[in-house]
Amino acid sequence: MTSARVDTHDGNEAAGISSEGYERGLGPRQVQMIAIGGAIGVGLFLGAGANIAKAGPSLILMYALAGVIIFFIMRALGELLLYRPVSGSFAEYSREFLGPFFGYVTGWTYWLMWIVTGMAELTAAAIYINYWFPSVPQWVTALVFLVVLYIANLISVKLFGEIEFWFSMVKVTALIGMIVIGLGVLTFGFSAAGDTAQVSNLWAFDGFFPKGIGSSLMTLQGVMFAYLAVELVGVTAGESENPEKTLPKAINSLPWRIALFYVGALTVILCVVKWTEFAPGVSPFVAAFAKIGIPAGAAIVNFVVLTAALSSCNSGMYSTGRMLRDLASNGEAPKALGKLAASKTPAIGITVSVALMGIGVLLNYVVPEKAFGYVTSVATAAGIWTWMMILISHIRYRRAVEAGRLPASSFPAPGGAVCSWIALVFLLFVTCLIAYDPDSRVSLYVGAGWAVALAIGWFVMKSNKPQGPAEPAREYADAAK
């Protein structure tokens, strides 16, 4: 091997198979929409309502601030991905630049994040179906969705990409439609909201920070939750047809996606409807459609949020299977999880993950009214850990490049390690906010328990295998020496 990055010109690559054995079946169109879809989820469609009630119009600024940090994180990830595009992504980079233990922790933590997110989204999807079919038990709907998405993920990565493409298309179309309609109301004054819709609604009711700057900052934890899964594009690196071209394009489009779908959509909504009319537990999009008087507006938004939930669950099945295979290939999970099926999918890893997601179906059967709340508290803490590992890995990679130990990436992050340091400090600040808020503090307790469990698992592995789990892939660093 003569390069620190995977050679994209060997026989396997020419046949459309990555060095890890995956099929490179995700085209530019699909990778772009996976990247867009990752930035649009239930956190925006539903969670924004509670945050508007807490922060008023200043929530727009919080989404913009968090969006800048997310862009720093994704550019750091992008530089690592083009240095060495692998399906294990964050876990692989943690393993290489921080050591085997951190790769092990990051891989299992990201896996856990998607398992509990999958449970939550199955529950949410079942609730949304109840809007049209209230007589159908939640657990039945959750089970049907689980099985259908599971089968789709087993067939091929191309089918996963196609499903994700259309899920994302629904979300994007709905948001653009909402923005266009809202701008029409503001400009031409039509609909029931026309008389009160005006830009001054952003500051006319107790100012831009109606609850104070402190209250606005407290919404950052919810805002960051809304951005979870934006890093999913990194997991697709090993199965993208041309990662050297598709990944930079997908990551560089992030600023306009955040500006349009988060900042733009919320700005228009808060101009059309006074922030005082929003309430926790009610989607701001449903409230806006109702105020404007669009026929079947609530049903339209319900369908869009259903696709957002199913999209998230679909992504969870995809990413957990890949992460388990990466862990198995490094001796940090049972070897059986590292096998690929004839379809070039990690079928055993996906099956294990889906079986655990099935606990969500059981929760829907036992306690349908509480299921969603039971499984969401850990996702934010797990996501923040993953982002921190990306940033620290990037900082250490840049040090190695500057020292001449590793080759430079073809997609360097602007500002180098400085922006990664800024993002890292911001994430530590958000963690402090989570610790300060008694309602969200439980996620840190769960995270601490998870850390103890992982530490025990690590020491058990080392005791059974004295040399420890597999060392990180030093061949990449050695090749550059």
Protein backbone atom coordinates (compact mmCIF):
# COMPACT_ATOMS: atom_id res chain seq x y z
CA MET A 1 0.00 0.00 0.00
CA THR A 2 1.43 3.37 -0.98
CA SER A 3 -1.14 5.78 0.34
CA ALA A 4 -2.76 6.55 3.64
CA ARG A 5 -6.12 6.43 1.98
CA VAL A 6 -7.95 3.49 0.53
CA ASP A 7 -6.82 2.82 -3.00
CA THR A 8 -9.79 3.44 -5.24
CA HIS A 9 -8.24 1.89 -8.30
CA ASP A 10 -7.82 -1.75 -7.36
CA GLY A 11 -9.84 -4.60 -8.83
CA ASN A 12 -12.56 -4.53 -6.21
CA GLU A 13 -13.11 -0.80 -6.57
CA ALA A 14 -13.33 -1.16 -10.33
CA ALA A 15 -16.04 -3.76 -9.80
CA GLY A 16 -17.98 -1.41 -7.53
CA ILE A 17 -16.94 -3.13 -4.30
CA SER A 18 -15.18 -1.22 -1.51
CA SER A 19 -12.05 -2.51 0.22
CA GLU A 20 -14.32 -3.58 3.11
CA GLY A 21 -16.44 -5.75 0.81
CA TYR A 22 -19.43 -3.40 0.59
CA GLU A 23 -21.20 -2.63 -2.67
CA ARG A 24 -20.67 0.98 -3.74
CA GLY A 25 -24.36 1.31 -4.52
CA LEU A 26 -25.14 4.83 -3.28
CA GLY A 27 -25.10 7.32 -6.14
CA PRO A 28 -24.64 11.10 -5.88
CA ARG A 29 -28.41 11.69 -5.95
CA GLN A 30 -28.96 9.37 -2.98
CA VAL A 31 -25.99 10.61 -0.93
CA GLN A 32 -27.15 14.21 -1.41
CA MET A 33 -30.67 13.42 -0.20
CA ILE A 34 -29.38 11.31 2.72
CA ALA A 35 -27.32 14.34 3.74
CA ILE A 36 -30.33 16.65 3.40
CA GLY A 37 -32.66 14.22 5.18
CA GLY A 38 -30.22 13.86 8.05
CA ALA A 39 -30.65 17.55 8.80
CA ILE A 40 -34.45 17.42 8.80
CA GLY A 41 -36.12 15.29 11.42
CA VAL A 42 -38.80 14.98 14.04
CA GLY A 43 -36.76 17.32 16.25
CA LEU A 44 -37.61 20.17 13.87
CA PHE A 45 -41.17 19.20 12.99
CA LEU A 46 -42.28 18.57 16.60
CA GLY A 47 -39.56 19.67 19.02
CA ALA A 48 -39.45 23.25 17.79
CA GLY A 49 -42.87 23.93 19.35
CA ALA A 50 -41.64 23.52 22.93
CA ASN A 51 -38.49 25.51 22.20
CA ILE A 52 -40.46 28.41 20.70
CA ALA A 53 -42.50 28.55 23.92
CA LYS A 54 -39.24 28.75 25.90
CA ALA A 55 -37.27 31.19 23.77
CA GLY A 56 -39.64 32.96 21.41
CA PRO A 57 -38.17 34.32 18.14
CA SER A 58 -34.62 34.05 19.53
CA LEU A 59 -34.85 30.33 18.76
CA ILE A 60 -33.96 31.31 15.18
CA LEU A 61 -30.60 32.58 16.42
CA MET A 62 -30.02 29.40 18.44
CA TYR A 63 -30.61 27.24 15.35
CA ALA A 64 -28.23 29.44 13.36
CA LEU A 65 -25.54 29.30 16.07
CA ALA A 66 -25.83 25.53 16.43
CA GLY A 67 -25.84 25.23 12.63
CA VAL A 68 -22.43 26.91 12.42
CA ILE A 69 -21.06 24.43 14.97
CA ILE A 70 -22.57 21.51 13.07
CA PHE A 71 -20.87 22.76 9.91
CA PHE A 72 -17.52 22.83 11.75
CA ILE A 73 -18.12 19.24 12.88
CA MET A 74 -19.06 18.07 9.41
CA ARG A 75 -16.08 19.74 7.75
CA ALA A 76 -13.82 18.07 10.32
CA LEU A 77 -15.48 14.75 9.48
CA GLY A 78 -15.20 15.50 5.77
CA GLU A 79 -11.44 16.00 6.03
CA LEU A 80 -11.11 12.64 7.79
CA LEU A 81 -13.40 10.90 5.30
CA LEU A 82 -11.33 12.03 2.32
CA TYR A 83 -8.15 11.06 4.14
CA ARG A 84 -9.54 7.54 4.55
CA PRO A 85 -13.16 6.80 3.47
CA VAL A 86 -14.36 3.84 5.55
CA SER A 87 -17.79 2.62 6.58
CA GLY A 88 -16.78 2.49 10.27
CA SER A 89 -16.19 6.23 10.06
CA PHE A 90 -16.21 7.83 13.54
CA ALA A 91 -15.25 4.64 15.37
CA GLU A 92 -12.40 4.00 12.95
CA TYR A 93 -10.99 7.49 13.36
CA SER A 94 -11.33 7.33 17.14
CA ARG A 95 -9.50 4.01 17.07
CA GLU A 96 -6.69 5.34 14.90
CA PHE A 97 -6.10 8.70 16.59
CA LEU A 98 -7.16 8.06 20.20
CA GLY A 99 -6.61 4.34 20.66
CA PRO A 100 -8.61 1.06 20.58
CA PHE A 101 -10.64 1.85 23.70
CA PHE A 102 -12.07 5.06 22.26
CA GLY A 103 -12.90 3.35 18.98
CA TYR A 104 -14.70 0.65 20.92
CA VAL A 105 -16.65 3.18 23.04
CA THR A 106 -17.55 5.37 20.06
CA GLY A 107 -18.73 2.46 17.93
CA TRP A 108 -20.95 1.00 20.63
CA THR A 109 -22.25 4.43 21.71
CA TYR A 110 -23.24 5.38 18.18
CA TRP A 111 -24.89 1.99 17.83
CA LEU A 112 -26.83 2.60 21.07
CA MET A 113 -27.91 6.05 19.89
CA TRP A 114 -29.53 4.58 16.81
CA ILE A 115 -31.09 1.66 18.68
CA VAL A 116 -32.93 3.93 21.11
CA THR A 117 -33.70 6.41 18.32
CA GLY A 118 -35.16 3.56 16.28
CA MET A 119 -37.36 2.59 19.24
CA ALA A 120 -38.54 6.18 19.62
CA GLU A 121 -39.22 6.66 15.93
CA LEU A 122 -41.18 3.40 15.67
CA THR A 123 -43.30 4.63 18.54
CA ALA A 124 -43.74 8.04 16.92
CA ALA A 125 -44.69 6.48 13.57
CA ALA A 126 -47.33 4.32 15.27
CA ILE A 127 -48.76 7.42 16.97
CA TYR A 128 -48.95 9.27 13.64
CA ILE A 129 -50.79 6.36 12.01
CA ASN A 130 -53.32 6.52 14.85
CA TYR A 131 -54.30 9.94 13.50
CA TRP A 132 -55.98 8.18 10.57
CA PHE A 133 -56.62 4.74 12.09
CA PRO A 134 -57.26 5.19 15.82
CA SER A 135 -58.64 1.66 16.20
CA VAL A 136 -55.34 0.00 15.15
CA PRO A 137 -53.15 -0.84 18.20
CA GLN A 138 -49.85 1.05 18.29
CA TRP A 139 -47.80 -2.11 18.64
CA VAL A 140 -49.24 -3.60 15.44
CA THR A 141 -48.31 -0.54 13.37
CA ALA A 142 -44.83 -0.38 14.95
CA LEU A 143 -44.25 -4.07 14.16
CA VAL A 144 -45.33 -3.69 10.52
CA PHE A 145 -42.98 -0.75 9.97
CA LEU A 146 -40.14 -2.61 11.69
CA VAL A 147 -40.49 -5.67 9.46
CA VAL A 148 -40.88 -3.74 6.18
CA LEU A 149 -37.81 -1.55 6.77
CA TYR A 150 -35.82 -4.56 7.99
CA ILE A 151 -36.49 -6.48 4.78
CA ALA A 152 -35.60 -3.44 2.66
CA ASN A 153 -32.25 -3.06 4.44
CA LEU A 154 -31.42 -6.73 3.88
CA ILE A 155 -32.06 -6.66 0.13
CA SER A 156 -29.40 -4.12 -0.91
CA VAL A 157 -27.83 -0.78 -0.07
CA LYS A 158 -29.36 0.57 -3.28
CA LEU A 159 -32.87 -0.09 -1.99
CA PHE A 160 -32.00 1.57 1.33
CA GLY A 161 -30.69 4.59 -0.57
CA GLU A 162 -33.78 4.77 -2.76
CA ILE A 163 -36.17 4.62 0.21
CA GLU A 164 -34.16 7.29 2.00
CA PHE A 165 -34.15 9.44 -1.13
CA TRP A 166 -37.95 9.52 -1.31
CA PHE A 167 -38.41 9.99 2.44
CA SER A 168 -36.08 12.99 2.24
CA MET A 169 -37.87 14.30 -0.83
CA VAL A 170 -41.17 14.39 1.06
CA LYS A 171 -39.60 16.34 3.94
CA VAL A 172 -37.81 18.80 1.67
CA THR A 173 -40.90 19.40 -0.49
CA ALA A 174 -43.07 20.02 2.58
CA LEU A 175 -40.64 22.54 4.08
CA ILE A 176 -40.16 24.41 0.81
CA GLY A 177 -43.94 24.48 0.36
CA MET A 178 -44.37 25.88 3.87
CA ILE A 179 -41.79 28.59 3.21
CA VAL A 180 -43.33 29.58 -0.14
CA ILE A 181 -46.85 29.70 1.30
CA GLY A 182 -45.65 31.71 4.30
CA LEU A 183 -43.84 34.21 2.10
CA GLY A 184 -47.01 34.51 0.02
CA VAL A 185 -49.05 35.30 3.13
CA LEU A 186 -46.51 37.93 4.21
CA THR A 187 -46.31 39.51 0.76
CA PHE A 188 -49.91 39.41 -0.44
CA GLY A 189 -51.82 39.13 2.85
CA PHE A 190 -54.11 36.28 1.77
CA SER A 191 -55.63 33.68 4.13
CA ALA A 192 -56.91 34.03 7.69
CA ALA A 193 -53.39 34.88 8.86
CA GLY A 194 -52.94 37.71 6.37
CA ASP A 195 -54.12 40.50 8.68
CA THR A 196 -51.64 39.73 11.46
CA ALA A 197 -48.71 38.29 9.48
CA GLN A 198 -45.78 40.71 9.51
CA VAL A 199 -42.03 40.70 10.04
CA SER A 200 -42.44 42.80 13.19
CA ASN A 201 -43.89 39.71 14.90
CA LEU A 202 -40.25 38.76 15.48
CA TRP A 203 -39.83 41.52 18.07
CA ALA A 204 -43.26 43.05 18.74
CA PHE A 205 -44.17 40.76 21.66
CA ASP A 206 -41.67 41.38 24.49
CA GLY A 207 -38.73 41.64 22.11
CA PHE A 208 -36.53 39.13 20.26
CA PHE A 209 -35.46 37.55 23.59
CA PRO A 210 -38.85 37.57 25.41
CA LYS A 211 -37.76 35.10 28.12
CA GLY A 212 -34.18 36.39 28.44
CA ILE A 213 -30.90 35.21 26.93
CA GLY A 214 -30.50 32.52 29.59
CA SER A 215 -33.77 30.86 28.64
CA SER A 216 -32.77 31.01 24.97
CA LEU A 217 -29.44 29.31 25.67
CA MET A 218 -31.24 26.54 27.55
CA THR A 219 -32.95 25.55 24.28
CA LEU A 220 -29.56 24.68 22.73
CA GLN A 221 -29.79 21.11 24.03
CA GLY A 222 -33.08 20.62 22.18
CA VAL A 223 -31.69 22.37 19.12
CA MET A 224 -28.67 20.05 19.03
CA PHE A 225 -31.01 17.06 19.34
CA ALA A 226 -32.75 18.27 16.18
CA TYR A 227 -29.43 18.10 14.33
CA LEU A 228 -28.69 14.49 15.35
CA ALA A 229 -28.12 12.20 12.33
CA VAL A 230 -26.56 14.93 10.19
CA GLU A 231 -23.33 12.93 10.54
CA LEU A 232 -24.96 9.87 8.91
CA VAL A 233 -23.44 10.82 5.57
CA GLY A 234 -20.10 9.77 7.08
CA VAL A 235 -21.34 6.19 7.51
CA THR A 236 -22.13 6.05 3.77
CA ALA A 237 -18.47 6.65 2.83
CA GLY A 238 -17.72 2.98 2.30
CA GLU A 239 -20.71 2.52 -0.01
CA SER A 240 -20.72 5.74 -2.03
CA GLU A 241 -19.99 5.32 -5.73
CA ASN A 242 -17.48 8.15 -5.78
CA PRO A 243 -16.75 9.41 -2.25
CA GLU A 244 -14.05 11.82 -3.48
CA LYS A 245 -16.76 13.82 -5.27
CA THR A 246 -20.07 13.06 -3.56
CA LEU A 247 -19.02 13.55 0.09
CA PRO A 248 -17.50 17.06 -0.27
CA LYS A 249 -20.51 18.18 -2.28
CA ALA A 250 -22.93 16.81 0.32
CA ILE A 251 -21.05 18.39 3.24
CA ASN A 252 -20.54 21.76 1.54
CA SER A 253 -24.28 22.02 0.92
CA LEU A 254 -24.92 21.89 4.68
CA PRO A 255 -24.91 25.68 5.32
CA TRP A 256 -27.65 26.43 2.81
CA ARG A 257 -29.68 23.45 4.05
CA ILE A 258 -29.54 24.75 7.62
CA ALA A 259 -30.20 28.32 6.47
CA LEU A 260 -33.22 27.27 4.42
CA PHE A 261 -34.83 24.42 6.32
CA TYR A 262 -34.20 25.54 9.90
CA VAL A 263 -33.51 29.27 10.03
CA GLY A 264 -35.61 30.09 6.97
CA ALA A 265 -38.61 27.93 7.84
CA LEU A 266 -38.75 29.11 11.47
CA THR A 267 -38.34 32.76 10.48
CA VAL A 268 -41.26 32.56 8.06
CA ILE A 269 -43.45 30.68 10.55
CA LEU A 270 -42.76 33.17 13.36
CA CYS A 271 -43.54 36.07 11.03
CA VAL A 272 -46.84 34.50 9.97
CA VAL A 273 -47.90 33.37 13.48
CA LYS A 274 -47.06 35.21 16.71
CA TRP A 275 -44.71 33.17 18.87
CA THR A 276 -47.14 33.45 21.81
CA GLU A 277 -49.60 31.22 19.94
CA PHE A 278 -47.28 28.20 19.94
CA ALA A 279 -47.34 25.64 22.73
CA PRO A 280 -45.24 22.63 23.80
CA GLY A 281 -46.36 19.34 22.31
CA VAL A 282 -47.85 20.98 19.20
CA SER A 283 -45.93 21.06 15.94
CA PRO A 284 -45.33 24.68 14.87
CA PHE A 285 -45.98 23.55 11.32
CA VAL A 286 -49.41 22.19 12.25
CA ALA A 287 -50.19 25.44 14.09
CA ALA A 288 -49.07 27.54 11.12
CA PHE A 289 -51.08 25.50 8.60
CA ALA A 290 -54.13 25.78 10.86
CA LYS A 291 -53.70 29.57 11.20
CA ILE A 292 -53.34 30.02 7.45
CA GLY A 293 -56.39 27.83 6.94
CA ILE A 294 -54.97 25.31 4.50
CA PRO A 295 -57.44 22.43 3.98
CA ALA A 296 -56.21 19.17 5.48
CA GLY A 297 -53.14 21.02 6.75
CA ALA A 298 -52.89 18.89 9.88
CA ALA A 299 -53.12 15.68 7.85
CA ILE A 300 -50.39 16.89 5.47
CA VAL A 301 -48.01 17.69 8.32
CA ASN A 302 -48.87 14.39 10.00
CA PHE A 303 -47.84 12.55 6.84
CA VAL A 304 -44.59 14.52 6.60
CA VAL A 305 -43.70 13.82 10.22
CA LEU A 306 -44.52 10.13 9.65
CA THR A 307 -41.99 10.02 6.81
CA ALA A 308 -39.44 11.78 9.05
CA ALA A 309 -39.87 9.10 11.72
CA LEU A 310 -39.63 6.23 9.22
CA SER A 311 -36.62 7.85 7.58
CA SER A 312 -34.85 8.00 10.94
CA CYS A 313 -35.69 4.37 11.72
CA ASN A 314 -34.50 3.30 8.26
CA SER A 315 -31.21 5.16 8.79
CA GLY A 316 -30.85 3.53 12.19
CA MET A 317 -31.04 0.03 10.74
CA TYR A 318 -28.49 0.95 8.09
CA SER A 319 -25.95 2.57 10.42
CA THR A 320 -26.18 0.06 13.30
CA GLY A 321 -25.47 -2.88 11.01
CA ARG A 322 -22.36 -1.15 9.63
CA MET A 323 -21.14 -0.08 13.06
CA LEU A 324 -21.49 -3.63 14.48
CA ARG A 325 -19.52 -5.00 11.54
CA ASP A 326 -16.75 -2.48 12.14
CA LEU A 327 -16.64 -3.42 15.83
CA ALA A 328 -16.54 -7.13 14.97
CA SER A 329 -13.70 -6.65 12.47
CA ASN A 330 -11.66 -5.04 15.27
CA GLY A 331 -12.37 -7.77 17.80
CA GLU A 332 -14.74 -5.58 19.82
CA ALA A 333 -17.94 -7.52 19.05
CA PRO A 334 -18.74 -11.17 18.21
CA LYS A 335 -17.10 -12.28 14.94
CA ALA A 336 -20.42 -13.37 13.46
CA LEU A 337 -21.50 -9.72 13.28
CA GLY A 338 -18.69 -9.07 10.81
CA LYS A 339 -20.07 -11.31 8.07
CA LEU A 340 -21.58 -9.93 4.87
CA ALA A 341 -24.53 -11.59 3.15
CA ALA A 342 -24.60 -12.31 -0.58
CA SER A 343 -26.31 -8.93 -1.01
CA LYS A 344 -23.16 -7.25 0.44
CA THR A 345 -25.13 -6.10 3.48
CA PRO A 346 -24.17 -6.88 7.11
CA ALA A 347 -27.31 -8.96 7.51
CA ILE A 348 -26.47 -10.46 10.92
CA GLY A 349 -25.62 -7.06 12.41
CA ILE A 350 -28.82 -5.55 11.02
CA THR A 351 -30.85 -8.48 12.37
CA VAL A 352 -29.43 -8.12 15.89
CA SER A 353 -30.08 -4.37 15.86
CA VAL A 354 -33.64 -4.78 14.57
CA ALA A 355 -34.32 -7.40 17.24
CA LEU A 356 -33.35 -4.88 19.91
CA MET A 357 -35.37 -2.14 18.23
CA GLY A 358 -38.24 -4.59 18.59
CA ILE A 359 -38.20 -3.76 22.29
CA GLY A 360 -39.88 -0.57 21.14
CA VAL A 361 -42.74 -2.67 19.78
CA LEU A 362 -43.01 -4.36 23.18
CA LEU A 363 -43.10 -0.96 24.91
CA ASN A 364 -45.92 0.07 22.59
CA TYR A 365 -47.81 -3.01 23.71
CA VAL A 366 -47.16 -2.62 27.45
CA VAL A 367 -47.13 1.17 27.97
CA PRO A 368 -48.16 2.90 24.72
CA GLU A 369 -48.73 6.26 26.42
CA LYS A 370 -45.19 6.41 27.87
CA ALA A 371 -43.12 4.55 25.27
CA PHE A 372 -41.76 7.61 23.47
CA GLY A 373 -40.50 9.26 26.64
CA TYR A 374 -38.79 6.09 27.88
CA VAL A 375 -36.34 5.82 25.00
CA THR A 376 -35.36 9.37 23.94
CA SER A 377 -33.26 10.63 26.87
CA VAL A 378 -30.02 8.90 25.86
CA ALA A 379 -29.85 9.99 22.19
CA THR A 380 -28.53 13.52 22.76
CA ALA A 381 -25.73 12.43 25.12
CA ALA A 382 -24.66 9.69 22.69
CA GLY A 383 -24.72 12.11 19.77
CA ILE A 384 -22.62 14.70 21.60
CA TRP A 385 -20.04 12.00 22.45
CA THR A 386 -19.84 11.01 18.77
CA TRP A 387 -19.37 14.61 17.66
CA MET A 388 -16.67 15.15 20.29
CA MET A 389 -14.77 12.10 19.08
CA ILE A 390 -14.93 13.38 15.49
CA LEU A 391 -13.51 16.75 16.59
CA ILE A 392 -10.74 15.32 18.77
CA SER A 393 -9.77 12.84 16.04
CA HIS A 394 -9.62 15.71 13.57
CA ILE A 395 -7.41 17.80 15.87
CA ARG A 396 -4.98 14.91 16.28
CA TYR A 397 -5.04 14.15 12.57
CA ARG A 398 -4.11 17.77 11.75
CA ARG A 399 -1.19 17.54 14.19
CA ALA A 400 0.01 14.39 12.41
CA VAL A 401 -0.26 16.09 9.01
CA GLU A 402 1.64 19.16 10.20
CA ALA A 403 4.36 16.90 11.63
CA GLY A 404 4.62 15.06 8.31
CA ARG A 405 3.49 11.71 9.71
CA LEU A 406 0.33 11.48 7.59
CA PRO A 407 -0.65 12.79 4.15
CA ALA A 408 -2.96 15.76 3.83
CA SER A 409 -6.61 15.19 2.97
CA SER A 410 -7.97 16.42 -0.35
CA PHE A 411 -10.81 18.14 1.53
CA PRO A 412 -9.21 20.20 4.33
CA ALA A 413 -11.48 21.88 6.86
CA PRO A 414 -11.41 25.70 6.74
CA GLY A 415 -9.63 27.12 9.76
CA GLY A 416 -7.93 23.81 10.41
CA ALA A 417 -8.04 22.59 13.99
CA VAL A 418 -9.14 26.01 15.31
CA CYS A 419 -12.76 25.48 14.26
CA SER A 420 -12.70 22.01 15.79
CA TRP A 421 -11.56 23.49 19.11
CA ILE A 422 -14.38 26.06 18.96
CA ALA A 423 -16.95 23.33 18.26
CA LEU A 424 -15.53 21.16 21.06
CA VAL A 425 -15.87 23.97 23.62
CA PHE A 426 -19.43 24.59 22.41
CA LEU A 427 -20.38 20.92 22.90
CA LEU A 428 -18.93 20.98 26.42
CA PHE A 429 -21.06 24.06 27.09
CA VAL A 430 -24.18 22.24 25.86
CA THR A 431 -23.29 19.31 28.11
CA CYS A 432 -23.19 21.72 31.07
CA LEU A 433 -26.65 23.00 30.06
CA ILE A 434 -27.94 19.42 30.04
CA ALA A 435 -26.49 18.87 33.52
CA TYR A 436 -28.11 22.10 34.74
CA ASP A 437 -31.59 21.22 33.44
CA PRO A 438 -33.32 18.70 35.75
CA ASP A 439 -35.59 17.51 32.92
CA SER A 440 -32.72 16.50 30.63
CA ARG A 441 -30.15 15.58 33.29
CA VAL A 442 -31.36 11.97 33.17
CA SER A 443 -29.55 11.53 29.84
CA LEU A 444 -26.22 12.04 31.61
CA TYR A 445 -27.15 9.48 34.27
CA VAL A 446 -27.97 6.98 31.53
CA GLY A 447 -24.72 7.92 29.80
CA ALA A 448 -22.73 7.31 32.98
CA GLY A 449 -24.34 3.88 33.38
CA TRP A 450 -23.57 3.08 29.76
CA ALA A 451 -19.92 4.12 30.26
CA VAL A 452 -19.60 1.77 33.23
CA ALA A 453 -21.10 -1.08 31.20
CA LEU A 454 -18.67 -0.42 28.34
CA ALA A 455 -15.70 -0.28 30.71
CA ILE A 456 -16.69 -3.64 32.21
CA GLY A 457 -17.08 -5.10 28.71
CA TRP A 458 -13.64 -3.81 27.73
CA PHE A 459 -11.89 -5.34 30.73
CA VAL A 460 -13.71 -8.64 30.21
CA MET A 461 -12.47 -8.72 26.61
CA LYS A 462 -8.92 -7.95 27.69
CA SER A 463 -8.98 -10.65 30.34
CA ASN A 464 -10.22 -13.21 27.81
CA LYS A 465 -7.74 -12.02 25.22
CA PRO A 466 -4.53 -10.80 26.90
CA GLN A 467 -3.30 -8.84 23.92
CA GLY A 468 -6.58 -6.88 23.97
CA PRO A 469 -8.99 -6.17 21.16
CA ALA A 470 -7.58 -5.54 17.71
CA GLU A 471 -5.20 -2.63 17.37
CA PRO A 472 -6.22 0.21 15.09
CA ALA A 473 -5.34 -0.05 11.43
CA ARG A 474 -1.74 1.15 11.70
CA GLU A 475 -1.11 0.20 8.09
CA TYR A 476 -2.45 3.57 7.02
CA ALA A 477 -0.03 5.47 9.23
CA ASP A 478 2.84 3.10 8.45
CA ALA A 479 2.34 3.54 4.73
CA ALA A 480 2.86 7.27 5.06
CA LYS A 481 6.15 6.96 6.95
